[in-house]
Amino acid sequence: MAKKTKIIRAFTVSNSISFISGMLTVLTERYDVAVVASPGDCWDCLDGYGEHVGRIKVPMERHISPMKDLRSLLRLVRVFRREKPGMVHSMTPKAGLLCMMAAWVCRVPVRVHTFTGLVFPTATGLTRQILMLTDRITCACATHVIPEGEGVRRDLLDNSITRKPARVLGYGNCQGIDLKRYDRTPEVMAEANRLRADGVFTFIAVGRVVGDKGIHELVAAFRRLNLEMPSTRLLLVGRFEPELDPIRKGTIDEIDANPAIEAVGQQTDVRPWLASADCSVLASYREGFPNVVIEAGAMGLPQIVTDINGANEIIVEGKNGTIVPPRDVDALYRVMRRMATDASWRESLASNAREMVACRYEQSFVSQCLYDFYNEILGKVRDSRTD
């Protein structure tokens, strides 16, 4: 039996390992798989794979930290020299920069980075230039670049981040969704009914409660709507990140003081929360390809999203949701008001939501696109060695 090619999948923090947890069964049948990420609490998602998936913990900082980054880079070089992978495939910005550099130093034959989102388009000044430089270094060290969606691809090419072919796999998205799990099953609905507020129209925002997610605009728009329509509420499902991206004091004060706004923290299972709501809102300034929009669609929710990468590819205006400009409180208020008052329009959007997700982002389809890509690029390496 031929020896399996070793693949290392790399992430900055352990909670990002969930991006590939649904794909590992098939990957381990074809390849010798290991995962690199920082130490953390989320490695247990690999417990079901036992020794079939290697675990390599390398501390990596999410923010810029030159000395710590250098130490991480040296550790990764040692790891790759020891493991001798045929491919390193990174996701998330810091893991991409460090792992692509280390893999280039170690002459790993196939070096792949997936851009799940870009930070520089919403940055300014020196910060923007630094972010663009790090993305250029990542691409220069990679042999293959995968943008998670067409919007990310355009940003990479239009800003001269890379001249390499940037290939979107399938319809975009790097994870796909398990439609059997994301469904209104009796168990999910029993919990959803407990969470639901009868007679109250509920908006839900799932994601980190930070400035970049448009929380300032969302809270301001909802406050205006709630003053007119007291029978409304807003659920914020996600963690605050005061160290990385704190929200303004005025917004925090409104969240704390307004009984119609419920910040419930990060939840291990968002399905009942989605099923308890009437409309999902993503007011973000930037995304790569937001999984929450796919998840909310699978749960049959109509959606309001901002006109940003990924979200404007998943949502088709007037079909399964509506799109508003980012950072625009008035526009967000108007569509939230319409969503709460125009039942016919809202139900039309909801009726298309799950089907539009199923035909483009079902997990087995997304996974197969990745498997085909791996076979193609690794096959070319094998062919070149036999010539």
Protein backbone atom coordinates (compact mmCIF):
# COMPACT_ATOMS: atom_id res chain seq x y z
CA MET A 1 0.00 0.00 0.00
CA ALA A 2 1.35 3.41 -0.98
CA LYS A 3 2.20 5.72 1.87
CA LYS A 4 -0.38 8.46 2.44
CA THR A 5 0.64 12.04 1.76
CA LYS A 6 0.81 14.05 4.97
CA ILE A 7 -1.39 17.14 5.11
CA ILE A 8 -1.15 19.74 7.85
CA ARG A 9 -4.17 22.00 8.33
CA ALA A 10 -3.24 25.13 10.28
CA PHE A 11 -5.27 27.69 12.25
CA THR A 12 -4.32 30.51 14.60
CA VAL A 13 -6.64 29.52 17.46
CA SER A 14 -8.19 26.19 18.36
CA ASN A 15 -11.82 27.27 17.99
CA SER A 16 -11.23 27.58 14.23
CA ILE A 17 -10.63 23.82 13.98
CA SER A 18 -14.40 23.45 13.68
CA PHE A 19 -14.05 24.73 10.09
CA ILE A 20 -12.84 21.27 9.03
CA SER A 21 -14.27 18.95 11.68
CA GLY A 22 -16.99 17.74 9.31
CA MET A 23 -14.48 16.92 6.57
CA LEU A 24 -11.93 14.94 8.54
CA THR A 25 -13.50 11.50 8.11
CA VAL A 26 -13.00 11.52 4.35
CA LEU A 27 -9.66 13.37 4.56
CA THR A 28 -8.18 10.74 6.88
CA GLU A 29 -9.18 8.00 4.44
CA ARG A 30 -7.02 9.58 1.74
CA TYR A 31 -4.30 11.46 3.64
CA ASP A 32 -2.23 11.43 6.81
CA VAL A 33 -3.76 14.46 8.53
CA ALA A 34 -2.45 16.67 11.33
CA VAL A 35 -3.81 19.93 12.73
CA VAL A 36 -1.72 22.88 13.94
CA ALA A 37 -3.21 25.58 16.16
CA SER A 38 -2.59 27.42 19.41
CA PRO A 39 -3.32 25.69 22.72
CA GLY A 40 -6.91 26.28 23.77
CA ASP A 41 -10.20 24.79 24.87
CA CYS A 42 -11.52 23.65 21.49
CA TRP A 43 -9.25 20.75 20.62
CA ASP A 44 -11.88 18.33 21.91
CA CYS A 45 -13.71 18.50 18.57
CA LEU A 46 -10.98 16.11 17.35
CA ASP A 47 -11.58 13.55 20.10
CA GLY A 48 -13.62 11.28 17.85
CA TYR A 49 -10.72 10.82 15.46
CA GLY A 50 -8.22 9.43 17.98
CA GLU A 51 -4.79 8.82 16.52
CA HIS A 52 -6.05 9.33 12.97
CA VAL A 53 -5.57 13.10 13.29
CA GLY A 54 -2.34 14.47 14.74
CA ARG A 55 -2.49 17.39 17.14
CA ILE A 56 0.33 19.92 17.10
CA LYS A 57 -0.04 22.87 19.45
CA VAL A 58 1.98 25.94 18.56
CA PRO A 59 1.18 29.25 20.33
CA MET A 60 0.25 32.01 17.87
CA GLU A 61 -0.95 35.51 18.66
CA ARG A 62 -3.93 36.87 16.72
CA HIS A 63 -2.66 40.45 16.92
CA ILE A 64 0.75 41.77 15.80
CA SER A 65 3.44 40.78 18.30
CA PRO A 66 6.90 40.74 16.63
CA MET A 67 8.85 38.78 19.24
CA LYS A 68 6.11 36.23 19.88
CA ASP A 69 5.51 35.93 16.13
CA LEU A 70 9.20 35.19 15.57
CA ARG A 71 9.14 32.47 18.21
CA SER A 72 6.03 30.97 16.63
CA LEU A 73 7.66 31.03 13.21
CA LEU A 74 10.73 29.19 14.49
CA ARG A 75 8.54 26.58 16.20
CA LEU A 76 6.60 26.04 12.98
CA VAL A 77 9.81 25.60 11.01
CA ARG A 78 10.87 22.89 13.47
CA VAL A 79 7.44 21.24 13.21
CA PHE A 80 7.44 21.16 9.41
CA ARG A 81 11.00 19.85 9.25
CA ARG A 82 10.06 17.07 11.64
CA GLU A 83 6.72 16.17 10.05
CA LYS A 84 7.80 16.55 6.39
CA PRO A 85 4.29 17.26 5.05
CA GLY A 86 3.42 17.13 1.37
CA MET A 87 1.04 20.04 1.90
CA VAL A 88 0.39 22.76 4.47
CA HIS A 89 -3.02 24.39 4.20
CA SER A 90 -3.61 27.38 6.45
CA MET A 91 -6.65 29.47 7.31
CA THR A 92 -7.02 32.65 9.38
CA PRO A 93 -4.60 35.58 8.93
CA LYS A 94 -1.80 34.98 11.45
CA ALA A 95 -1.64 31.24 10.80
CA GLY A 96 -1.51 32.03 7.10
CA LEU A 97 1.41 34.44 7.41
CA LEU A 98 3.47 32.29 9.78
CA CYS A 99 2.69 28.88 8.30
CA MET A 100 3.20 29.91 4.69
CA MET A 101 6.55 31.49 5.60
CA ALA A 102 7.62 28.41 7.57
CA ALA A 103 6.43 26.04 4.84
CA TRP A 104 8.35 28.08 2.23
CA VAL A 105 11.52 27.93 4.34
CA CYS A 106 11.08 24.15 4.66
CA ARG A 107 10.31 23.79 0.94
CA VAL A 108 6.99 22.05 1.53
CA PRO A 109 5.89 21.18 -2.04
CA VAL A 110 2.28 22.42 -1.78
CA ARG A 111 1.49 25.50 0.31
CA VAL A 112 -2.16 26.57 0.33
CA HIS A 113 -3.79 29.48 2.12
CA THR A 114 -7.52 30.13 2.31
CA PHE A 115 -8.53 33.76 2.81
CA THR A 116 -11.73 33.62 4.82
CA GLY A 117 -11.81 37.39 4.97
CA LEU A 118 -9.62 40.43 4.52
CA VAL A 119 -9.03 43.07 7.18
CA PHE A 120 -7.23 45.72 5.12
CA PRO A 121 -10.22 46.94 3.04
CA THR A 122 -11.74 48.55 6.16
CA ALA A 123 -8.42 49.73 7.65
CA THR A 124 -6.71 53.07 7.01
CA GLY A 125 -3.28 54.65 7.03
CA LEU A 126 -0.25 52.70 8.20
CA THR A 127 -2.37 49.86 9.57
CA ARG A 128 -3.81 49.26 6.11
CA GLN A 129 -0.34 49.22 4.54
CA ILE A 130 0.96 46.74 7.13
CA LEU A 131 -2.04 44.45 6.64
CA MET A 132 -1.66 44.53 2.86
CA LEU A 133 2.05 43.74 3.21
CA THR A 134 1.38 40.71 5.41
CA ASP A 135 -1.23 39.42 2.95
CA ARG A 136 1.25 39.89 0.08
CA ILE A 137 3.88 37.91 2.01
CA THR A 138 1.36 35.15 2.68
CA CYS A 139 0.51 34.93 -1.03
CA ALA A 140 4.16 35.12 -2.11
CA CYS A 141 5.03 32.14 0.08
CA ALA A 142 1.96 30.12 -0.93
CA THR A 143 1.80 27.99 -4.06
CA HIS A 144 -2.01 28.20 -4.17
CA VAL A 145 -4.46 30.86 -2.95
CA ILE A 146 -8.11 30.12 -2.22
CA PRO A 147 -10.44 33.09 -1.64
CA GLU A 148 -13.53 31.97 0.23
CA GLY A 149 -15.78 33.97 -2.09
CA GLU A 150 -15.80 36.12 -5.21
CA GLY A 151 -15.72 39.34 -3.20
CA VAL A 152 -12.53 38.29 -1.43
CA ARG A 153 -11.06 37.25 -4.78
CA ARG A 154 -11.78 40.68 -6.28
CA ASP A 155 -10.17 42.44 -3.31
CA LEU A 156 -7.03 40.32 -3.61
CA LEU A 157 -6.64 40.98 -7.33
CA ASP A 158 -7.82 44.60 -7.45
CA ASN A 159 -5.39 45.61 -4.69
CA SER A 160 -2.47 43.69 -6.23
CA ILE A 161 -2.13 41.42 -3.21
CA THR A 162 -1.25 38.57 -5.55
CA ARG A 163 -0.91 37.79 -9.23
CA LYS A 164 -1.34 34.08 -8.67
CA PRO A 165 -4.57 32.46 -9.81
CA ALA A 166 -7.02 32.93 -6.94
CA ARG A 167 -9.60 30.19 -7.24
CA VAL A 168 -12.96 30.06 -5.48
CA LEU A 169 -14.04 26.47 -4.86
CA GLY A 170 -17.66 25.74 -5.73
CA TYR A 171 -19.92 28.64 -4.81
CA GLY A 172 -17.56 29.74 -2.07
CA ASN A 173 -17.48 28.89 1.65
CA CYS A 174 -14.89 26.58 3.17
CA GLN A 175 -17.05 24.61 5.57
CA GLY A 176 -20.48 23.91 4.17
CA ILE A 177 -23.42 23.08 6.37
CA ASP A 178 -24.88 19.86 7.68
CA LEU A 179 -28.53 20.26 6.75
CA LYS A 180 -29.58 17.34 8.93
CA ARG A 181 -28.19 19.15 11.94
CA TYR A 182 -29.33 22.63 10.96
CA ASP A 183 -33.03 21.86 10.78
CA ARG A 184 -36.10 22.52 12.88
CA THR A 185 -36.11 19.11 14.52
CA PRO A 186 -38.48 18.40 17.44
CA GLU A 187 -35.58 18.66 19.90
CA VAL A 188 -34.47 22.01 18.52
CA MET A 189 -38.01 23.38 18.46
CA ALA A 190 -38.70 22.28 22.03
CA GLU A 191 -35.77 24.42 23.20
CA ALA A 192 -36.69 27.22 20.77
CA ASN A 193 -40.20 27.39 22.20
CA ARG A 194 -38.71 27.86 25.65
CA LEU A 195 -36.58 30.76 24.39
CA ARG A 196 -39.31 32.42 22.33
CA ALA A 197 -41.14 35.50 23.61
CA ASP A 198 -44.78 35.14 22.54
CA GLY A 199 -46.19 38.13 20.70
CA VAL A 200 -42.77 39.80 20.42
CA PHE A 201 -41.03 40.13 17.06
CA THR A 202 -37.46 38.96 17.58
CA PHE A 203 -34.35 39.96 15.67
CA ILE A 204 -31.21 37.91 16.24
CA ALA A 205 -27.55 38.72 15.60
CA VAL A 206 -25.14 35.81 15.98
CA GLY A 207 -21.45 36.61 16.17
CA ARG A 208 -18.88 38.45 18.23
CA VAL A 209 -20.27 41.56 19.91
CA VAL A 210 -17.62 43.91 18.54
CA GLY A 211 -17.44 47.12 16.53
CA ASP A 212 -16.56 45.45 13.22
CA LYS A 213 -19.78 43.43 13.37
CA GLY A 214 -21.81 46.63 13.13
CA ILE A 215 -23.12 46.37 16.67
CA HIS A 216 -23.18 50.17 17.11
CA GLU A 217 -25.46 50.60 14.10
CA LEU A 218 -27.59 47.58 14.96
CA VAL A 219 -28.24 48.72 18.52
CA ALA A 220 -28.98 52.28 17.35
CA ALA A 221 -31.41 51.10 14.65
CA PHE A 222 -33.13 48.71 17.02
CA ARG A 223 -33.48 51.36 19.74
CA ARG A 224 -35.28 53.61 17.24
CA LEU A 225 -37.54 50.77 16.13
CA ASN A 226 -38.27 49.60 19.65
CA LEU A 227 -39.41 53.09 20.70
CA GLU A 228 -42.04 52.89 17.91
CA MET A 229 -42.79 49.18 18.31
CA PRO A 230 -42.31 48.06 21.93
CA SER A 231 -43.26 44.47 21.03
CA THR A 232 -39.84 43.86 19.49
CA ARG A 233 -36.62 42.50 20.93
CA LEU A 234 -33.01 41.96 19.86
CA LEU A 235 -30.95 38.91 20.77
CA LEU A 236 -27.16 39.28 20.70
CA VAL A 237 -25.65 35.79 20.63
CA GLY A 238 -21.88 35.99 20.93
CA ARG A 239 -19.00 37.03 23.11
CA PHE A 240 -17.68 40.53 23.78
CA GLU A 241 -14.00 41.11 22.95
CA PRO A 242 -12.96 44.20 24.93
CA GLU A 243 -9.25 43.57 24.31
CA LEU A 244 -9.35 43.18 20.52
CA ASP A 245 -12.34 45.23 19.34
CA PRO A 246 -14.25 46.91 22.17
CA ILE A 247 -17.59 48.52 21.49
CA ARG A 248 -18.27 52.09 22.57
CA LYS A 249 -19.49 52.88 26.05
CA GLY A 250 -22.74 54.37 24.76
CA THR A 251 -23.58 51.15 22.96
CA ILE A 252 -22.73 49.05 26.02
CA ASP A 253 -24.89 51.30 28.18
CA GLU A 254 -27.84 50.86 25.79
CA ILE A 255 -27.43 47.09 25.77
CA ASP A 256 -27.32 47.03 29.57
CA ALA A 257 -30.21 49.44 30.09
CA ASN A 258 -32.65 48.32 27.39
CA PRO A 259 -34.74 45.32 28.54
CA ALA A 260 -35.63 44.60 24.90
CA ILE A 261 -31.97 43.84 24.12
CA GLU A 262 -30.71 40.52 25.45
CA ALA A 263 -26.99 39.76 25.26
CA VAL A 264 -26.91 36.02 25.98
CA GLY A 265 -23.20 35.39 25.35
CA GLN A 266 -21.58 32.74 23.22
CA GLN A 267 -23.71 29.60 22.86
CA THR A 268 -22.51 26.09 22.09
CA ASP A 269 -25.64 25.47 20.03
CA VAL A 270 -27.13 28.42 18.15
CA ARG A 271 -29.89 26.41 16.45
CA PRO A 272 -32.59 26.91 19.12
CA TRP A 273 -31.75 30.61 19.31
CA LEU A 274 -32.11 30.97 15.53
CA ALA A 275 -35.35 28.98 15.54
CA SER A 276 -36.74 31.20 18.30
CA ALA A 277 -36.25 34.35 16.22
CA ASP A 278 -38.20 35.92 13.35
CA CYS A 279 -35.33 37.54 11.44
CA SER A 280 -31.53 37.31 11.43
CA VAL A 281 -29.39 40.44 11.07
CA LEU A 282 -25.74 40.74 10.08
CA ALA A 283 -24.70 44.41 10.22
CA SER A 284 -20.98 43.68 9.80
CA TYR A 285 -18.46 45.98 8.10
CA ARG A 286 -16.47 43.12 6.60
CA GLU A 287 -16.59 39.35 6.25
CA GLY A 288 -15.04 36.66 4.13
CA PHE A 289 -17.96 34.30 3.79
CA PRO A 290 -20.07 34.43 6.96
CA ASN A 291 -21.20 31.01 8.14
CA VAL A 292 -23.91 32.54 10.30
CA VAL A 293 -25.77 33.69 7.18
CA ILE A 294 -25.71 30.13 5.85
CA GLU A 295 -26.79 28.73 9.22
CA ALA A 296 -29.66 31.20 9.58
CA GLY A 297 -30.79 30.41 6.04
CA ALA A 298 -30.73 26.68 6.74
CA MET A 299 -32.97 27.33 9.75
CA GLY A 300 -35.45 29.09 7.45
CA LEU A 301 -34.94 32.66 8.61
CA PRO A 302 -35.35 35.74 6.42
CA GLN A 303 -32.27 37.90 6.72
CA ILE A 304 -30.96 41.45 6.68
CA VAL A 305 -27.28 41.69 5.75
CA THR A 306 -24.91 44.48 4.81
CA ASP A 307 -23.49 44.80 1.32
CA ILE A 308 -20.16 43.14 2.05
CA ASN A 309 -18.15 40.20 0.74
CA GLY A 310 -19.79 36.84 1.23
CA ALA A 311 -23.06 38.10 2.68
CA ASN A 312 -24.01 39.66 -0.66
CA GLU A 313 -23.22 36.34 -2.36
CA ILE A 314 -25.38 34.21 -0.05
CA ILE A 315 -28.31 36.63 0.09
CA VAL A 316 -30.07 37.52 -3.17
CA GLU A 317 -31.99 40.76 -2.80
CA GLY A 318 -35.72 40.10 -2.47
CA LYS A 319 -35.32 36.31 -2.66
CA ASN A 320 -34.05 35.07 0.70
CA GLY A 321 -33.28 38.38 2.36
CA THR A 322 -32.44 42.02 1.83
CA ILE A 323 -29.16 43.93 1.63
CA VAL A 324 -28.34 47.34 3.13
CA PRO A 325 -25.20 49.51 3.06
CA PRO A 326 -22.82 48.97 6.00
CA ARG A 327 -22.62 51.64 8.71
CA ASP A 328 -26.03 53.07 7.70
CA VAL A 329 -28.34 53.27 10.73
CA ASP A 330 -31.25 54.76 8.79
CA ALA A 331 -31.21 52.09 6.09
CA LEU A 332 -30.96 49.35 8.72
CA TYR A 333 -33.84 50.84 10.71
CA ARG A 334 -36.08 51.01 7.61
CA VAL A 335 -35.63 47.36 6.64
CA MET A 336 -35.95 46.18 10.23
CA ARG A 337 -39.23 48.05 10.44
CA ARG A 338 -40.44 46.53 7.17
CA MET A 339 -39.39 43.07 8.30
CA ALA A 340 -41.44 43.46 11.48
CA THR A 341 -44.53 44.86 9.76
CA ASP A 342 -44.72 43.33 6.26
CA ALA A 343 -45.64 39.70 6.94
CA SER A 344 -46.19 38.81 3.28
CA TRP A 345 -42.71 40.00 2.25
CA ARG A 346 -41.08 38.39 5.27
CA GLU A 347 -42.75 35.02 4.65
CA SER A 348 -41.76 35.10 0.98
CA LEU A 349 -38.11 35.54 1.96
CA ALA A 350 -38.34 32.80 4.56
CA SER A 351 -39.88 30.34 2.10
CA ASN A 352 -36.76 30.48 -0.10
CA ALA A 353 -34.15 30.56 2.66
CA ARG A 354 -33.41 26.88 3.26
CA GLU A 355 -33.63 25.78 -0.37
CA MET A 356 -31.14 28.44 -1.51
CA VAL A 357 -28.65 27.26 1.10
CA ALA A 358 -29.19 23.57 0.29
CA CYS A 359 -28.44 23.90 -3.41
CA ARG A 360 -25.13 25.77 -2.93
CA TYR A 361 -23.63 25.12 0.50
CA GLU A 362 -24.58 21.60 1.60
CA GLN A 363 -21.57 20.15 3.40
CA SER A 364 -20.89 17.14 1.19
CA PHE A 365 -20.81 19.35 -1.92
CA VAL A 366 -18.43 21.88 -0.33
CA SER A 367 -16.24 19.04 0.94
CA GLN A 368 -16.12 17.35 -2.45
CA CYS A 369 -14.93 20.60 -4.05
CA LEU A 370 -12.03 20.64 -1.58
CA TYR A 371 -11.19 16.95 -2.07
CA ASP A 372 -11.13 17.41 -5.84
CA PHE A 373 -8.83 20.41 -5.45
CA TYR A 374 -6.44 18.47 -3.20
CA ASN A 375 -6.33 15.56 -5.61
CA GLU A 376 -5.64 17.92 -8.51
CA ILE A 377 -2.79 19.89 -6.96
CA LEU A 378 -1.15 16.96 -5.18
CA GLY A 379 -1.50 14.87 -8.33
CA LYS A 380 0.46 17.46 -10.27
CA VAL A 381 3.27 17.24 -7.72
CA ARG A 382 3.34 13.43 -8.00
CA ASP A 383 3.32 13.62 -11.80
CA SER A 384 6.20 16.13 -11.85
CA ARG A 385 8.31 13.80 -9.69
CA THR A 386 7.76 10.84 -12.04
CA ASP A 387 8.63 12.76 -15.23
